[in-house]
């Protein structure tokens, strides 16, 4: 089988995975969240991808199809990680800005409910296309409602499932401490903001320092492809061996799985180090 055939196999498997339709629960959450971005995918597109994948399976064999599936899953996982990192960074930025607004309002004698509502209004005013703005605004609105009605604001924060929930839990601890011990809430929230800002800067410096290690891992993962390309250019025909039934197909699946596992393990190690 030619290199074009392998590419078609990978494209078909990637389309099958990326066009997988949403489940019922995910669709309900999408309708509830106005900021969520719809994902492309419908049953006809899924059916077409499945038919193309089945045709390529009969043409090229199961080994190339399995290897293409591993590659597609790795790409999808990496895209999800990138999106999650982007959402986390946006969420912590919004939290820092909201805390700054709340501290400024509390410092001039405003009621905590008014401070939370003002921070929510600022988040809504600068709302982008992502759903993070909506989640942060909803959290601040919940805090304002509980503070206005005399409820337990800290309990409402801890029971929510907002982006960067661990950071919001620090806000809940500061809020509860201020209410129980009569300490100035503005000072405690300002201390929380300073702590979160220091953690954010540490995380950014660590990620910058790990950029070289991540680049090295990507280069090492690409070396097998370079070797196959050089062998193909020299006339050794490694592609036909790898997609053929028997030992070649087994080596293709094992090699692809090992490369994907190496990238995943590198990402796991660097994520642990970069988490403050």
C-alpha atoms as a PDB file:
ATOM      1  CA  UNK A   1       0.000   0.000   0.000  1.00  0.00           C
ATOM      2  CA  UNK A   2       1.260   3.494  -0.814  1.00  0.00           C
ATOM      3  CA  UNK A   3       1.803   6.453   1.482  1.00  0.00           C
ATOM      4  CA  UNK A   4      -1.363   8.027   0.070  1.00  0.00           C
ATOM      5  CA  UNK A   5      -3.354   5.016   1.229  1.00  0.00           C
ATOM      6  CA  UNK A   6      -1.971   5.334   4.756  1.00  0.00           C
ATOM      7  CA  UNK A   7      -2.858   9.015   4.776  1.00  0.00           C
ATOM      8  CA  UNK A   8      -6.406   8.243   3.672  1.00  0.00           C
ATOM      9  CA  UNK A   9      -6.716   5.689   6.447  1.00  0.00           C
ATOM     10  CA  UNK A  10      -5.612   8.233   9.037  1.00  0.00           C
ATOM     11  CA  UNK A  11      -7.946  10.892   7.659  1.00  0.00           C
ATOM     12  CA  UNK A  12     -10.915   8.523   7.720  1.00  0.00           C
ATOM     13  CA  UNK A  13     -10.282   7.431  11.309  1.00  0.00           C
ATOM     14  CA  UNK A  14      -9.719  11.025  12.437  1.00  0.00           C
ATOM     15  CA  UNK A  15     -12.987  12.089  10.809  1.00  0.00           C
ATOM     16  CA  UNK A  16     -14.781   9.199  12.481  1.00  0.00           C
ATOM     17  CA  UNK A  17     -13.543  10.299  15.907  1.00  0.00           C
ATOM     18  CA  UNK A  18     -13.840  14.056  15.485  1.00  0.00           C
ATOM     19  CA  UNK A  19     -17.315  13.935  13.937  1.00  0.00           C
ATOM     20  CA  UNK A  20     -18.751  11.689  16.638  1.00  0.00           C
ATOM     21  CA  UNK A  21     -22.093  13.277  17.604  1.00  0.00           C
ATOM     22  CA  UNK A  22     -22.842  14.612  21.069  1.00  0.00           C
ATOM     23  CA  UNK A  23     -24.743  12.544  23.587  1.00  0.00           C
ATOM     24  CA  UNK A  24     -28.102  13.584  24.986  1.00  0.00           C
ATOM     25  CA  UNK A  25     -26.690  14.873  28.265  1.00  0.00           C
ATOM     26  CA  UNK A  26     -24.015  16.900  26.438  1.00  0.00           C
ATOM     27  CA  UNK A  27     -26.626  18.417  24.158  1.00  0.00           C
ATOM     28  CA  UNK A  28     -28.717  19.481  27.144  1.00  0.00           C
ATOM     29  CA  UNK A  29     -25.704  21.182  28.702  1.00  0.00           C
ATOM     30  CA  UNK A  30     -24.963  22.897  25.389  1.00  0.00           C
ATOM     31  CA  UNK A  31     -28.468  24.390  25.264  1.00  0.00           C
ATOM     32  CA  UNK A  32     -28.185  25.604  28.850  1.00  0.00           C
ATOM     33  CA  UNK A  33     -24.854  27.320  28.196  1.00  0.00           C
ATOM     34  CA  UNK A  34     -25.119  30.170  25.719  1.00  0.00           C
ATOM     35  CA  UNK A  35     -21.355  30.550  25.497  1.00  0.00           C
ATOM     36  CA  UNK A  36     -20.607  26.993  24.496  1.00  0.00           C
ATOM     37  CA  UNK A  37     -19.252  26.546  21.011  1.00  0.00           C
ATOM     38  CA  UNK A  38     -21.080  23.815  19.061  1.00  0.00           C
ATOM     39  CA  UNK A  39     -19.000  20.995  17.733  1.00  0.00           C
ATOM     40  CA  UNK A  40     -19.331  19.973  14.141  1.00  0.00           C
ATOM     41  CA  UNK A  41     -20.716  16.516  13.662  1.00  0.00           C
ATOM     42  CA  UNK A  42     -23.927  14.789  12.678  1.00  0.00           C
ATOM     43  CA  UNK A  43     -25.126  11.293  11.960  1.00  0.00           C
ATOM     44  CA  UNK A  44     -24.751  11.600   8.138  1.00  0.00           C
ATOM     45  CA  UNK A  45     -21.153  12.781   8.502  1.00  0.00           C
ATOM     46  CA  UNK A  46     -20.454   9.965  10.942  1.00  0.00           C
ATOM     47  CA  UNK A  47     -21.983   7.445   8.547  1.00  0.00           C
ATOM     48  CA  UNK A  48     -19.865   8.710   5.654  1.00  0.00           C
ATOM     49  CA  UNK A  49     -16.692   8.515   7.745  1.00  0.00           C
ATOM     50  CA  UNK A  50     -17.589   4.983   8.846  1.00  0.00           C
ATOM     51  CA  UNK A  51     -18.186   3.850   5.245  1.00  0.00           C
ATOM     52  CA  UNK A  52     -14.906   5.381   4.082  1.00  0.00           C
ATOM     53  CA  UNK A  53     -13.085   3.745   6.990  1.00  0.00           C
ATOM     54  CA  UNK A  54     -14.637   0.373   6.180  1.00  0.00           C
ATOM     55  CA  UNK A  55     -13.609   0.675   2.520  1.00  0.00           C
ATOM     56  CA  UNK A  56     -10.051   1.580   3.456  1.00  0.00           C
ATOM     57  CA  UNK A  57      -9.983  -1.271   5.943  1.00  0.00           C
ATOM     58  CA  UNK A  58     -10.723  -3.753   3.149  1.00  0.00           C
ATOM     59  CA  UNK A  59      -8.133  -2.075   0.940  1.00  0.00           C
ATOM     60  CA  UNK A  60      -5.199  -1.571   3.323  1.00  0.00           C
ATOM     61  CA  UNK A  61      -5.675  -4.036   6.163  1.00  0.00           C
ATOM     62  CA  UNK A  62      -6.384  -3.781   9.839  1.00  0.00           C
ATOM     63  CA  UNK A  63      -2.867  -2.815  10.987  1.00  0.00           C
ATOM     64  CA  UNK A  64      -2.841   0.522   9.183  1.00  0.00           C
ATOM     65  CA  UNK A  65      -6.381   1.255  10.374  1.00  0.00           C
ATOM     66  CA  UNK A  66      -5.449   0.572  14.010  1.00  0.00           C
ATOM     67  CA  UNK A  67      -2.330   2.723  13.714  1.00  0.00           C
ATOM     68  CA  UNK A  68      -4.399   5.524  12.169  1.00  0.00           C
ATOM     69  CA  UNK A  69      -6.865   5.237  15.047  1.00  0.00           C
ATOM     70  CA  UNK A  70      -4.053   5.581  17.589  1.00  0.00           C
ATOM     71  CA  UNK A  71      -2.749   8.662  15.792  1.00  0.00           C
ATOM     72  CA  UNK A  72      -6.226  10.203  15.604  1.00  0.00           C
ATOM     73  CA  UNK A  73      -6.845   9.583  19.300  1.00  0.00           C
ATOM     74  CA  UNK A  74      -3.484  11.136  20.175  1.00  0.00           C
ATOM     75  CA  UNK A  75      -4.250  14.225  18.105  1.00  0.00           C
ATOM     76  CA  UNK A  76      -7.692  14.561  19.639  1.00  0.00           C
ATOM     77  CA  UNK A  77      -6.279  14.175  23.152  1.00  0.00           C
ATOM     78  CA  UNK A  78      -3.677  16.857  22.471  1.00  0.00           C
ATOM     79  CA  UNK A  79      -6.312  19.244  21.126  1.00  0.00           C
ATOM     80  CA  UNK A  80      -8.446  18.654  24.225  1.00  0.00           C
ATOM     81  CA  UNK A  81      -5.445  19.339  26.464  1.00  0.00           C
ATOM     82  CA  UNK A  82      -4.690  22.560  24.602  1.00  0.00           C
ATOM     83  CA  UNK A  83      -8.311  23.683  24.922  1.00  0.00           C
ATOM     84  CA  UNK A  84      -8.383  22.814  28.624  1.00  0.00           C
ATOM     85  CA  UNK A  85      -5.161  24.736  29.260  1.00  0.00           C
ATOM     86  CA  UNK A  86      -6.549  27.732  27.390  1.00  0.00           C
ATOM     87  CA  UNK A  87      -9.798  27.613  29.373  1.00  0.00           C
ATOM     88  CA  UNK A  88      -7.921  27.312  32.673  1.00  0.00           C
ATOM     89  CA  UNK A  89      -5.737  30.306  31.843  1.00  0.00           C
ATOM     90  CA  UNK A  90      -8.798  32.342  30.877  1.00  0.00           C
ATOM     91  CA  UNK A  91     -10.629  31.285  34.040  1.00  0.00           C
ATOM     92  CA  UNK A  92      -7.796  32.292  36.356  1.00  0.00           C
ATOM     93  CA  UNK A  93      -7.452  35.647  34.579  1.00  0.00           C
ATOM     94  CA  UNK A  94     -11.163  36.325  35.034  1.00  0.00           C
ATOM     95  CA  UNK A  95     -10.974  35.299  38.684  1.00  0.00           C
ATOM     96  CA  UNK A  96      -8.055  37.656  39.300  1.00  0.00           C
ATOM     97  CA  UNK A  97      -9.894  40.518  37.596  1.00  0.00           C
ATOM     98  CA  UNK A  98     -13.073  39.766  39.560  1.00  0.00           C
ATOM     99  CA  UNK A  99     -11.203  39.709  42.850  1.00  0.00           C
ATOM    100  CA  UNK A 100      -9.624  43.038  41.971  1.00  0.00           C
ATOM    101  CA  UNK A 101     -13.065  44.557  41.373  1.00  0.00           C
ATOM    102  CA  UNK A 102     -14.452  43.072  44.584  1.00  0.00           C
ATOM    103  CA  UNK A 103     -11.523  44.315  46.670  1.00  0.00           C
ATOM    104  CA  UNK A 104     -11.881  47.807  45.213  1.00  0.00           C
ATOM    105  CA  UNK A 105     -15.629  47.880  45.955  1.00  0.00           C
ATOM    106  CA  UNK A 106     -15.221  46.529  49.480  1.00  0.00           C
ATOM    107  CA  UNK A 107     -12.424  49.000  50.223  1.00  0.00           C
ATOM    108  CA  UNK A 108     -14.824  51.928  49.713  1.00  0.00           C
ATOM    109  CA  UNK A 109     -17.471  50.403  51.964  1.00  0.00           C
ATOM    110  CA  UNK A 110     -19.692  48.600  49.461  1.00  0.00           C
ATOM    111  CA  UNK A 111     -21.782  45.610  50.567  1.00  0.00           C
ATOM    112  CA  UNK A 112     -20.315  42.217  49.600  1.00  0.00           C
ATOM    113  CA  UNK A 113     -23.403  41.485  47.487  1.00  0.00           C
ATOM    114  CA  UNK A 114     -22.873  44.706  45.518  1.00  0.00           C
ATOM    115  CA  UNK A 115     -19.158  43.897  45.096  1.00  0.00           C
ATOM    116  CA  UNK A 116     -19.963  40.441  43.677  1.00  0.00           C
ATOM    117  CA  UNK A 117     -22.653  41.805  41.392  1.00  0.00           C
ATOM    118  CA  UNK A 118     -20.340  44.515  40.072  1.00  0.00           C
ATOM    119  CA  UNK A 119     -17.665  41.912  39.334  1.00  0.00           C
ATOM    120  CA  UNK A 120     -20.266  39.772  37.526  1.00  0.00           C
ATOM    121  CA  UNK A 121     -21.354  42.768  35.439  1.00  0.00           C
ATOM    122  CA  UNK A 122     -17.752  43.416  34.421  1.00  0.00           C
ATOM    123  CA  UNK A 123     -17.313  39.769  33.386  1.00  0.00           C
ATOM    124  CA  UNK A 124     -20.517  39.849  31.324  1.00  0.00           C
ATOM    125  CA  UNK A 125     -19.483  43.139  29.695  1.00  0.00           C
ATOM    126  CA  UNK A 126     -16.220  41.613  28.482  1.00  0.00           C
ATOM    127  CA  UNK A 127     -17.695  38.246  27.594  1.00  0.00           C
ATOM    128  CA  UNK A 128     -16.024  36.388  24.719  1.00  0.00           C
ATOM    129  CA  UNK A 129     -17.027  33.356  22.672  1.00  0.00           C
ATOM    130  CA  UNK A 130     -15.989  30.753  25.233  1.00  0.00           C
ATOM    131  CA  UNK A 131     -18.166  29.355  27.984  1.00  0.00           C
ATOM    132  CA  UNK A 132     -15.669  30.322  30.700  1.00  0.00           C
ATOM    133  CA  UNK A 133     -17.049  33.866  30.939  1.00  0.00           C
ATOM    134  CA  UNK A 134     -20.546  32.513  31.499  1.00  0.00           C
ATOM    135  CA  UNK A 135     -19.399  30.115  34.240  1.00  0.00           C
ATOM    136  CA  UNK A 136     -17.482  32.825  36.110  1.00  0.00           C
ATOM    137  CA  UNK A 137     -20.364  35.291  35.794  1.00  0.00           C
ATOM    138  CA  UNK A 138     -22.765  32.637  37.085  1.00  0.00           C
ATOM    139  CA  UNK A 139     -20.536  31.969  40.096  1.00  0.00           C
ATOM    140  CA  UNK A 140     -20.321  35.675  40.954  1.00  0.00           C
ATOM    141  CA  UNK A 141     -24.077  36.085  40.547  1.00  0.00           C
ATOM    142  CA  UNK A 142     -24.644  33.137  42.891  1.00  0.00           C
ATOM    143  CA  UNK A 143     -22.320  34.709  45.431  1.00  0.00           C
ATOM    144  CA  UNK A 144     -24.176  38.031  45.158  1.00  0.00           C
ATOM    145  CA  UNK A 145     -27.551  36.352  45.651  1.00  0.00           C
ATOM    146  CA  UNK A 146     -26.439  34.410  48.704  1.00  0.00           C
ATOM    147  CA  UNK A 147     -24.753  37.470  50.244  1.00  0.00           C
ATOM    148  CA  UNK A 148     -27.831  39.611  49.653  1.00  0.00           C
ATOM    149  CA  UNK A 149     -30.168  37.047  51.240  1.00  0.00           C
ATOM    150  CA  UNK A 150     -27.841  36.278  54.148  1.00  0.00           C
ATOM    151  CA  UNK A 151     -26.953  32.780  52.970  1.00  0.00           C
ATOM    152  CA  UNK A 152     -23.699  30.857  53.244  1.00  0.00           C
ATOM    153  CA  UNK A 153     -21.611  32.242  50.376  1.00  0.00           C
ATOM    154  CA  UNK A 154     -18.650  29.963  51.073  1.00  0.00           C
ATOM    155  CA  UNK A 155     -20.825  26.860  50.929  1.00  0.00           C
ATOM    156  CA  UNK A 156     -22.273  28.009  47.605  1.00  0.00           C
ATOM    157  CA  UNK A 157     -18.788  28.444  46.172  1.00  0.00           C
ATOM    158  CA  UNK A 158     -17.590  25.031  47.351  1.00  0.00           C
ATOM    159  CA  UNK A 159     -20.669  23.231  46.019  1.00  0.00           C
ATOM    160  CA  UNK A 160     -20.264  24.680  42.517  1.00  0.00           C
ATOM    161  CA  UNK A 161     -18.302  23.132  39.659  1.00  0.00           C
ATOM    162  CA  UNK A 162     -16.707  26.181  38.079  1.00  0.00           C
ATOM    163  CA  UNK A 163     -13.489  26.307  36.052  1.00  0.00           C
ATOM    164  CA  UNK A 164     -10.478  26.462  38.377  1.00  0.00           C
ATOM    165  CA  UNK A 165     -12.618  25.230  41.254  1.00  0.00           C
ATOM    166  CA  UNK A 166      -9.567  24.809  43.504  1.00  0.00           C
ATOM    167  CA  UNK A 167      -8.856  28.530  43.185  1.00  0.00           C
ATOM    168  CA  UNK A 168     -12.474  29.374  43.949  1.00  0.00           C
ATOM    169  CA  UNK A 169     -12.231  27.193  47.057  1.00  0.00           C
ATOM    170  CA  UNK A 170      -9.498  29.511  48.342  1.00  0.00           C
ATOM    171  CA  UNK A 171     -11.932  32.378  47.926  1.00  0.00           C
ATOM    172  CA  UNK A 172     -14.496  30.382  49.919  1.00  0.00           C
ATOM    173  CA  UNK A 173     -12.009  29.841  52.761  1.00  0.00           C
ATOM    174  CA  UNK A 174     -11.209  33.570  52.894  1.00  0.00           C
ATOM    175  CA  UNK A 175     -14.919  34.464  52.821  1.00  0.00           C
ATOM    176  CA  UNK A 176     -15.768  32.055  55.656  1.00  0.00           C
ATOM    177  CA  UNK A 177     -12.813  33.262  57.728  1.00  0.00           C
ATOM    178  CA  UNK A 178     -13.886  36.880  57.361  1.00  0.00           C
ATOM    179  CA  UNK A 179     -17.461  36.097  58.406  1.00  0.00           C
ATOM    180  CA  UNK A 180     -16.576  33.862  61.360  1.00  0.00           C
ATOM    181  CA  UNK A 181     -13.795  35.984  62.853  1.00  0.00           C
ATOM    182  CA  UNK A 182     -14.869  39.466  61.821  1.00  0.00           C
ATOM    183  CA  UNK A 183     -11.751  40.154  59.772  1.00  0.00           C
ATOM    184  CA  UNK A 184     -11.761  42.691  56.909  1.00  0.00           C
ATOM    185  CA  UNK A 185     -13.000  40.795  53.875  1.00  0.00           C
ATOM    186  CA  UNK A 186     -11.221  43.134  51.478  1.00  0.00           C
ATOM    187  CA  UNK A 187      -7.846  42.315  53.035  1.00  0.00           C
ATOM    188  CA  UNK A 188      -8.449  38.564  52.923  1.00  0.00           C
ATOM    189  CA  UNK A 189      -9.642  38.599  49.322  1.00  0.00           C
ATOM    190  CA  UNK A 190      -6.667  40.759  48.373  1.00  0.00           C
ATOM    191  CA  UNK A 191      -4.370  38.195  50.003  1.00  0.00           C
ATOM    192  CA  UNK A 192      -6.079  35.415  48.022  1.00  0.00           C
ATOM    193  CA  UNK A 193      -5.632  37.417  44.827  1.00  0.00           C
ATOM    194  CA  UNK A 194      -1.936  37.928  45.559  1.00  0.00           C
ATOM    195  CA  UNK A 195      -1.507  34.203  46.217  1.00  0.00           C
ATOM    196  CA  UNK A 196      -3.282  33.224  42.991  1.00  0.00           C
ATOM    197  CA  UNK A 197      -1.251  35.745  41.026  1.00  0.00           C
ATOM    198  CA  UNK A 198       1.988  34.325  42.426  1.00  0.00           C
ATOM    199  CA  UNK A 199       0.864  30.789  41.540  1.00  0.00           C
ATOM    200  CA  UNK A 200      -0.012  31.908  38.020  1.00  0.00           C
ATOM    201  CA  UNK A 201       3.395  33.494  37.515  1.00  0.00           C
ATOM    202  CA  UNK A 202       5.125  30.387  38.858  1.00  0.00           C
ATOM    203  CA  UNK A 203       3.145  28.203  36.473  1.00  0.00           C
ATOM    204  CA  UNK A 204       3.999  30.434  33.521  1.00  0.00           C
ATOM    205  CA  UNK A 205       7.716  30.394  34.357  1.00  0.00           C
ATOM    206  CA  UNK A 206       7.695  26.633  34.778  1.00  0.00           C
ATOM    207  CA  UNK A 207       5.922  26.066  31.460  1.00  0.00           C
ATOM    208  CA  UNK A 208       8.426  28.334  29.727  1.00  0.00           C
ATOM    209  CA  UNK A 209      11.300  26.371  31.269  1.00  0.00           C
ATOM    210  CA  UNK A 210       9.760  23.076  30.110  1.00  0.00           C
ATOM    211  CA  UNK A 211       9.340  24.239  26.519  1.00  0.00           C
ATOM    212  CA  UNK A 212      12.708  22.728  25.596  1.00  0.00           C
ATOM    213  CA  UNK A 213      11.823  19.344  27.082  1.00  0.00           C
ATOM    214  CA  UNK A 214       8.495  19.281  25.235  1.00  0.00           C
ATOM    215  CA  UNK A 215      10.206  20.201  21.967  1.00  0.00           C
ATOM    216  CA  UNK A 216      12.744  17.405  22.491  1.00  0.00           C
ATOM    217  CA  UNK A 217       9.934  14.903  23.049  1.00  0.00           C
ATOM    218  CA  UNK A 218       8.212  16.030  19.847  1.00  0.00           C
ATOM    219  CA  UNK A 219      11.457  15.663  17.865  1.00  0.00           C
ATOM    220  CA  UNK A 220      12.076  12.180  19.259  1.00  0.00           C
ATOM    221  CA  UNK A 221       8.520  11.184  18.375  1.00  0.00           C
ATOM    222  CA  UNK A 222       9.083  12.336  14.783  1.00  0.00           C
ATOM    223  CA  UNK A 223      12.343  10.396  14.329  1.00  0.00           C
ATOM    224  CA  UNK A 224      10.604   7.093  13.379  1.00  0.00           C
ATOM    225  CA  UNK A 225       8.722   8.928  10.620  1.00  0.00           C
ATOM    226  CA  UNK A 226      12.009  10.363   9.397  1.00  0.00           C
ATOM    227  CA  UNK A 227      13.553   6.900   9.355  1.00  0.00           C
ATOM    228  CA  UNK A 228      10.651   5.480   7.371  1.00  0.00           C
ATOM    229  CA  UNK A 229      10.866   8.365   4.926  1.00  0.00           C
ATOM    230  CA  UNK A 230      14.612   7.881   4.409  1.00  0.00           C
ATOM    231  CA  UNK A 231      14.137   4.159   3.901  1.00  0.00           C
ATOM    232  CA  UNK A 232      11.399   4.815   1.353  1.00  0.00           C
ATOM    233  CA  UNK A 233      13.650   7.302  -0.480  1.00  0.00           C
ATOM    234  CA  UNK A 234      16.470   4.739  -0.600  1.00  0.00           C
ATOM    235  CA  UNK A 235      14.188   2.146  -2.166  1.00  0.00           C
ATOM    236  CA  UNK A 236      13.920  -0.169   0.838  1.00  0.00           C
ATOM    237  CA  UNK A 237      10.098   0.131   0.726  1.00  0.00           C
ATOM    238  CA  UNK A 238       9.468   0.100   4.514  1.00  0.00           C
ATOM    239  CA  UNK A 239       5.909   1.374   4.008  1.00  0.00           C
ATOM    240  CA  UNK A 240       4.841  -1.709   2.097  1.00  0.00           C
ATOM    241  CA  UNK A 241       6.383  -3.885   4.815  1.00  0.00           C
ATOM    242  CA  UNK A 242       4.626  -2.049   7.637  1.00  0.00           C
ATOM    243  CA  UNK A 243       1.167  -2.202   6.062  1.00  0.00           C
ATOM    244  CA  UNK A 244       1.490  -5.802   4.967  1.00  0.00           C
ATOM    245  CA  UNK A 245      -0.113  -8.611   7.013  1.00  0.00           C
ATOM    246  CA  UNK A 246       2.094 -10.378   9.494  1.00  0.00           C
ATOM    247  CA  UNK A 247       5.112  -9.060  11.358  1.00  0.00           C
ATOM    248  CA  UNK A 248       5.190  -5.706   9.536  1.00  0.00           C
ATOM    249  CA  UNK A 249       1.653  -4.780  10.576  1.00  0.00           C
ATOM    250  CA  UNK A 250       2.342  -5.853  14.156  1.00  0.00           C
ATOM    251  CA  UNK A 251       5.451  -3.663  14.288  1.00  0.00           C
ATOM    252  CA  UNK A 252       3.477  -0.716  12.864  1.00  0.00           C
ATOM    253  CA  UNK A 253       0.819  -0.949  15.578  1.00  0.00           C
ATOM    254  CA  UNK A 254       3.369  -1.462  18.375  1.00  0.00           C
ATOM    255  CA  UNK A 255       5.576   1.392  17.167  1.00  0.00           C
ATOM    256  CA  UNK A 256       2.678   3.808  16.831  1.00  0.00           C
ATOM    257  CA  UNK A 257       1.369   2.871  20.286  1.00  0.00           C
ATOM    258  CA  UNK A 258       4.818   3.345  21.842  1.00  0.00           C
ATOM    259  CA  UNK A 259       5.245   6.793  20.283  1.00  0.00           C
ATOM    260  CA  UNK A 260       1.771   7.868  21.447  1.00  0.00           C
ATOM    261  CA  UNK A 261       2.471   6.506  24.952  1.00  0.00           C
ATOM    262  CA  UNK A 262       5.777   8.362  25.103  1.00  0.00           C
ATOM    263  CA  UNK A 263       4.128  11.654  24.184  1.00  0.00           C
ATOM    264  CA  UNK A 264       1.338  11.083  26.697  1.00  0.00           C
ATOM    265  CA  UNK A 265       3.814  10.204  29.473  1.00  0.00           C
ATOM    266  CA  UNK A 266       5.947  13.274  28.738  1.00  0.00           C
ATOM    267  CA  UNK A 267       2.861  15.452  28.878  1.00  0.00           C
ATOM    268  CA  UNK A 268       1.808  13.886  32.180  1.00  0.00           C
ATOM    269  CA  UNK A 269       5.210  14.533  33.780  1.00  0.00           C
ATOM    270  CA  UNK A 270       5.389  18.142  32.614  1.00  0.00           C
ATOM    271  CA  UNK A 271       1.799  18.795  33.711  1.00  0.00           C
ATOM    272  CA  UNK A 272       2.594  17.653  37.250  1.00  0.00           C
ATOM    273  CA  UNK A 273       5.637  19.923  37.418  1.00  0.00           C
ATOM    274  CA  UNK A 274       3.823  22.941  35.982  1.00  0.00           C
ATOM    275  CA  UNK A 275       0.867  22.679  38.386  1.00  0.00           C
ATOM    276  CA  UNK A 276       1.488  25.082  41.301  1.00  0.00           C
END
